[in-house]
Amino acid sequence: MSWSKLVIFAGGVLFGTAGIKALGSRDAKKAYTQVTAAALRAKDCVMDAATKVREGAEDVYEDAKRINEERAEKEDAAVIEDKA
C-alpha cells in the first residue's frame, strides 16, 4: 500500500470524525431545530393556501352545477311550450 493512499485514508477518517463532532454540537442542534420549525411553518402556510383553493373550487363547482340545472329547466320549459 502506498503512503499517499494511507494519508488520504487517514485524512478522510479525521475529516469524518470532525464532521460528526460538528454535526452533533449544540449549535448544530439549535440550527436543525430552527430549520425544522421553519419547515413546519411553511407546511402550515401551504396547507392553508391549499384549503382556500379547494374551498374556492368547490364554490365554483356548485355554482356551475346550479347554472346547468337552471339552463336545463329553461330548455325543458321551452320544449313543453313548443309542444303546446
N, C-alpha and C. Protein backbone atom coordinates (compact mmCIF):
# COMPACT_ATOMS: atom_id res chain seq x y z
N MET A 1 0.86 -1.17 0.00
CA MET A 1 0.00 0.00 0.00
C MET A 1 0.91 1.23 0.00
N SER A 2 0.57 2.19 -0.86
CA SER A 2 1.41 3.37 -0.95
C SER A 2 1.08 4.36 0.15
N TRP A 3 2.02 5.21 0.46
CA TRP A 3 1.84 6.21 1.51
C TRP A 3 0.74 7.20 1.17
N SER A 4 0.61 7.55 -0.08
CA SER A 4 -0.40 8.55 -0.45
C SER A 4 -1.81 8.03 -0.16
N LYS A 5 -2.05 6.76 -0.43
CA LYS A 5 -3.36 6.18 -0.13
C LYS A 5 -3.62 6.14 1.38
N LEU A 6 -2.58 5.83 2.13
CA LEU A 6 -2.70 5.79 3.58
C LEU A 6 -2.98 7.18 4.14
N VAL A 7 -2.32 8.20 3.61
CA VAL A 7 -2.53 9.58 4.05
C VAL A 7 -3.94 10.03 3.69
N ILE A 8 -4.40 9.69 2.50
CA ILE A 8 -5.76 10.06 2.07
C ILE A 8 -6.79 9.38 2.98
N PHE A 9 -6.59 8.11 3.29
CA PHE A 9 -7.49 7.39 4.18
C PHE A 9 -7.52 8.02 5.56
N ALA A 10 -6.35 8.29 6.12
CA ALA A 10 -6.27 8.90 7.46
C ALA A 10 -6.93 10.28 7.46
N GLY A 11 -6.74 11.04 6.40
CA GLY A 11 -7.38 12.36 6.29
C GLY A 11 -8.89 12.23 6.23
N GLY A 12 -9.36 11.25 5.53
CA GLY A 12 -10.80 11.02 5.44
C GLY A 12 -11.40 10.64 6.79
N VAL A 13 -10.69 9.79 7.52
CA VAL A 13 -11.16 9.41 8.85
C VAL A 13 -11.18 10.61 9.78
N LEU A 14 -10.13 11.41 9.74
CA LEU A 14 -10.04 12.61 10.57
C LEU A 14 -11.14 13.60 10.20
N PHE A 15 -11.34 13.82 8.92
CA PHE A 15 -12.37 14.75 8.45
C PHE A 15 -13.76 14.24 8.84
N GLY A 16 -14.00 12.96 8.70
CA GLY A 16 -15.30 12.37 9.07
C GLY A 16 -15.56 12.48 10.55
N THR A 17 -14.54 12.24 11.36
CA THR A 17 -14.70 12.35 12.81
C THR A 17 -15.01 13.79 13.21
N ALA A 18 -14.29 14.73 12.62
CA ALA A 18 -14.55 16.15 12.92
C ALA A 18 -15.95 16.54 12.46
N GLY A 19 -16.38 16.01 11.32
CA GLY A 19 -17.72 16.30 10.81
C GLY A 19 -18.81 15.79 11.73
N ILE A 20 -18.61 14.59 12.27
CA ILE A 20 -19.59 14.03 13.20
C ILE A 20 -19.66 14.87 14.46
N LYS A 21 -18.51 15.31 14.95
CA LYS A 21 -18.49 16.17 16.14
C LYS A 21 -19.22 17.47 15.86
N ALA A 22 -18.99 18.07 14.68
CA ALA A 22 -19.63 19.34 14.34
C ALA A 22 -21.13 19.18 14.19
N LEU A 23 -21.56 18.09 13.56
CA LEU A 23 -22.99 17.87 13.35
C LEU A 23 -23.72 17.55 14.65
N GLY A 24 -23.02 17.05 15.64
CA GLY A 24 -23.64 16.71 16.91
C GLY A 24 -23.53 17.80 17.96
N SER A 25 -22.98 18.94 17.61
CA SER A 25 -22.79 20.00 18.59
C SER A 25 -24.11 20.68 18.95
N ARG A 26 -24.10 21.43 20.05
CA ARG A 26 -25.31 22.13 20.49
C ARG A 26 -25.74 23.17 19.46
N ASP A 27 -24.77 23.89 18.89
CA ASP A 27 -25.10 24.91 17.89
C ASP A 27 -25.76 24.29 16.67
N ALA A 28 -25.25 23.13 16.27
CA ALA A 28 -25.84 22.45 15.12
C ALA A 28 -27.26 21.99 15.44
N LYS A 29 -27.48 21.49 16.65
CA LYS A 29 -28.82 21.06 17.03
C LYS A 29 -29.79 22.23 17.07
N LYS A 30 -29.32 23.40 17.53
CA LYS A 30 -30.16 24.59 17.51
C LYS A 30 -30.53 24.96 16.08
N ALA A 31 -29.54 24.87 15.19
CA ALA A 31 -29.80 25.18 13.79
C ALA A 31 -30.81 24.20 13.19
N TYR A 32 -30.67 22.91 13.50
CA TYR A 32 -31.62 21.91 13.00
C TYR A 32 -33.02 22.21 13.51
N THR A 33 -33.11 22.61 14.77
CA THR A 33 -34.41 22.93 15.37
C THR A 33 -35.05 24.12 14.67
N GLN A 34 -34.26 25.15 14.41
CA GLN A 34 -34.79 26.33 13.73
C GLN A 34 -35.25 26.01 12.31
N VAL A 35 -34.46 25.21 11.61
CA VAL A 35 -34.83 24.83 10.23
C VAL A 35 -36.10 23.99 10.24
N THR A 36 -36.20 23.07 11.19
CA THR A 36 -37.40 22.23 11.29
C THR A 36 -38.62 23.07 11.62
N ALA A 37 -38.47 24.04 12.53
CA ALA A 37 -39.59 24.92 12.87
C ALA A 37 -40.03 25.73 11.66
N ALA A 38 -39.07 26.23 10.89
CA ALA A 38 -39.41 26.98 9.67
C ALA A 38 -40.13 26.09 8.67
N ALA A 39 -39.70 24.85 8.54
CA ALA A 39 -40.36 23.92 7.61
C ALA A 39 -41.79 23.64 8.05
N LEU A 40 -42.01 23.51 9.34
CA LEU A 40 -43.37 23.28 9.84
C LEU A 40 -44.27 24.50 9.59
N ARG A 41 -43.71 25.70 9.77
CA ARG A 41 -44.49 26.91 9.48
C ARG A 41 -44.83 26.99 8.00
N ALA A 42 -43.88 26.64 7.16
CA ALA A 42 -44.11 26.66 5.71
C ALA A 42 -45.19 25.64 5.34
N LYS A 43 -45.13 24.46 5.96
CA LYS A 43 -46.15 23.43 5.68
C LYS A 43 -47.53 23.93 6.06
N ASP A 44 -47.64 24.59 7.22
CA ASP A 44 -48.94 25.12 7.64
C ASP A 44 -49.45 26.17 6.66
N CYS A 45 -48.55 27.01 6.18
CA CYS A 45 -48.93 28.05 5.22
C CYS A 45 -49.42 27.42 3.91
N VAL A 46 -48.71 26.42 3.44
CA VAL A 46 -49.10 25.73 2.20
C VAL A 46 -50.43 25.03 2.38
N MET A 47 -50.64 24.39 3.52
CA MET A 47 -51.90 23.69 3.76
C MET A 47 -53.07 24.67 3.84
N ASP A 48 -52.85 25.84 4.45
CA ASP A 48 -53.90 26.87 4.49
C ASP A 48 -54.26 27.33 3.09
N ALA A 49 -53.23 27.57 2.27
CA ALA A 49 -53.47 28.01 0.89
C ALA A 49 -54.21 26.92 0.11
N ALA A 50 -53.83 25.67 0.29
CA ALA A 50 -54.49 24.58 -0.42
C ALA A 50 -55.95 24.46 0.00
N THR A 51 -56.22 24.66 1.28
CA THR A 51 -57.60 24.61 1.76
C THR A 51 -58.43 25.72 1.13
N LYS A 52 -57.87 26.93 1.05
CA LYS A 52 -58.60 28.04 0.44
C LYS A 52 -58.87 27.77 -1.04
N VAL A 53 -57.90 27.22 -1.73
CA VAL A 53 -58.09 26.90 -3.15
C VAL A 53 -59.16 25.83 -3.30
N ARG A 54 -59.12 24.82 -2.45
CA ARG A 54 -60.12 23.74 -2.51
C ARG A 54 -61.52 24.29 -2.25
N GLU A 55 -61.65 25.17 -1.25
CA GLU A 55 -62.96 25.76 -0.96
C GLU A 55 -63.45 26.60 -2.13
N GLY A 56 -62.54 27.35 -2.74
CA GLY A 56 -62.92 28.15 -3.91
C GLY A 56 -63.36 27.27 -5.07
N ALA A 57 -62.67 26.17 -5.27
CA ALA A 57 -63.02 25.25 -6.35
C ALA A 57 -64.39 24.61 -6.09
N GLU A 58 -64.67 24.30 -4.83
CA GLU A 58 -65.97 23.72 -4.50
C GLU A 58 -67.09 24.73 -4.77
N ASP A 59 -66.85 26.00 -4.45
CA ASP A 59 -67.84 27.04 -4.73
C ASP A 59 -68.09 27.16 -6.23
N VAL A 60 -67.03 27.15 -7.01
CA VAL A 60 -67.16 27.25 -8.47
C VAL A 60 -67.93 26.05 -9.00
N TYR A 61 -67.62 24.87 -8.50
CA TYR A 61 -68.29 23.66 -8.94
C TYR A 61 -69.78 23.70 -8.63
N GLU A 62 -70.12 24.13 -7.42
CA GLU A 62 -71.53 24.21 -7.04
C GLU A 62 -72.27 25.26 -7.88
N ASP A 63 -71.62 26.40 -8.14
CA ASP A 63 -72.24 27.42 -8.99
C ASP A 63 -72.45 26.91 -10.40
N ALA A 64 -71.48 26.19 -10.92
CA ALA A 64 -71.60 25.63 -12.27
C ALA A 64 -72.74 24.61 -12.34
N LYS A 65 -72.86 23.77 -11.32
CA LYS A 65 -73.97 22.81 -11.29
C LYS A 65 -75.31 23.53 -11.27
N ARG A 66 -75.42 24.59 -10.45
CA ARG A 66 -76.67 25.35 -10.36
C ARG A 66 -77.01 26.00 -11.70
N ILE A 67 -76.02 26.56 -12.37
CA ILE A 67 -76.25 27.18 -13.68
C ILE A 67 -76.75 26.15 -14.67
N ASN A 68 -76.13 24.99 -14.69
CA ASN A 68 -76.55 23.94 -15.62
C ASN A 68 -77.95 23.43 -15.30
N GLU A 69 -78.31 23.34 -14.03
CA GLU A 69 -79.66 22.91 -13.66
C GLU A 69 -80.69 23.94 -14.12
N GLU A 70 -80.39 25.24 -13.90
CA GLU A 70 -81.30 26.29 -14.34
C GLU A 70 -81.45 26.27 -15.86
N ARG A 71 -80.35 26.06 -16.55
CA ARG A 71 -80.39 26.02 -18.01
C ARG A 71 -81.23 24.84 -18.50
N ALA A 72 -81.06 23.69 -17.85
CA ALA A 72 -81.83 22.50 -18.23
C ALA A 72 -83.31 22.73 -17.99
N GLU A 73 -83.66 23.40 -16.87
CA GLU A 73 -85.06 23.70 -16.59
C GLU A 73 -85.65 24.63 -17.65
N LYS A 74 -84.88 25.64 -18.08
CA LYS A 74 -85.36 26.55 -19.12
C LYS A 74 -85.56 25.81 -20.44
N GLU A 75 -84.62 24.91 -20.77
CA GLU A 75 -84.76 24.15 -22.01
C GLU A 75 -85.97 23.23 -21.95
N ASP A 76 -86.20 22.61 -20.79
CA ASP A 76 -87.37 21.76 -20.63
C ASP A 76 -88.65 22.58 -20.75
N ALA A 77 -88.67 23.78 -20.19
CA ALA A 77 -89.85 24.64 -20.27
C ALA A 77 -90.08 25.07 -21.72
N ALA A 78 -89.02 25.33 -22.46
CA ALA A 78 -89.15 25.73 -23.86
C ALA A 78 -89.70 24.58 -24.71
N VAL A 79 -89.28 23.36 -24.40
CA VAL A 79 -89.77 22.20 -25.14
C VAL A 79 -91.26 21.98 -24.86
N ILE A 80 -91.67 22.15 -23.62
CA ILE A 80 -93.09 22.00 -23.25
C ILE A 80 -93.93 23.04 -23.95
N GLU A 81 -93.45 24.30 -24.02
CA GLU A 81 -94.19 25.39 -24.70
C GLU A 81 -94.32 25.11 -26.19
N ASP A 82 -93.26 24.58 -26.80
CA ASP A 82 -93.31 24.28 -28.23
C ASP A 82 -94.33 23.20 -28.52
N LYS A 83 -94.50 22.23 -27.65
CA LYS A 83 -95.46 21.15 -27.86
C LYS A 83 -96.90 21.65 -27.69
N ALA A 84 -97.02 22.69 -26.87
CA ALA A 84 -98.38 23.19 -26.62
C ALA A 84 -98.79 24.02 -27.77
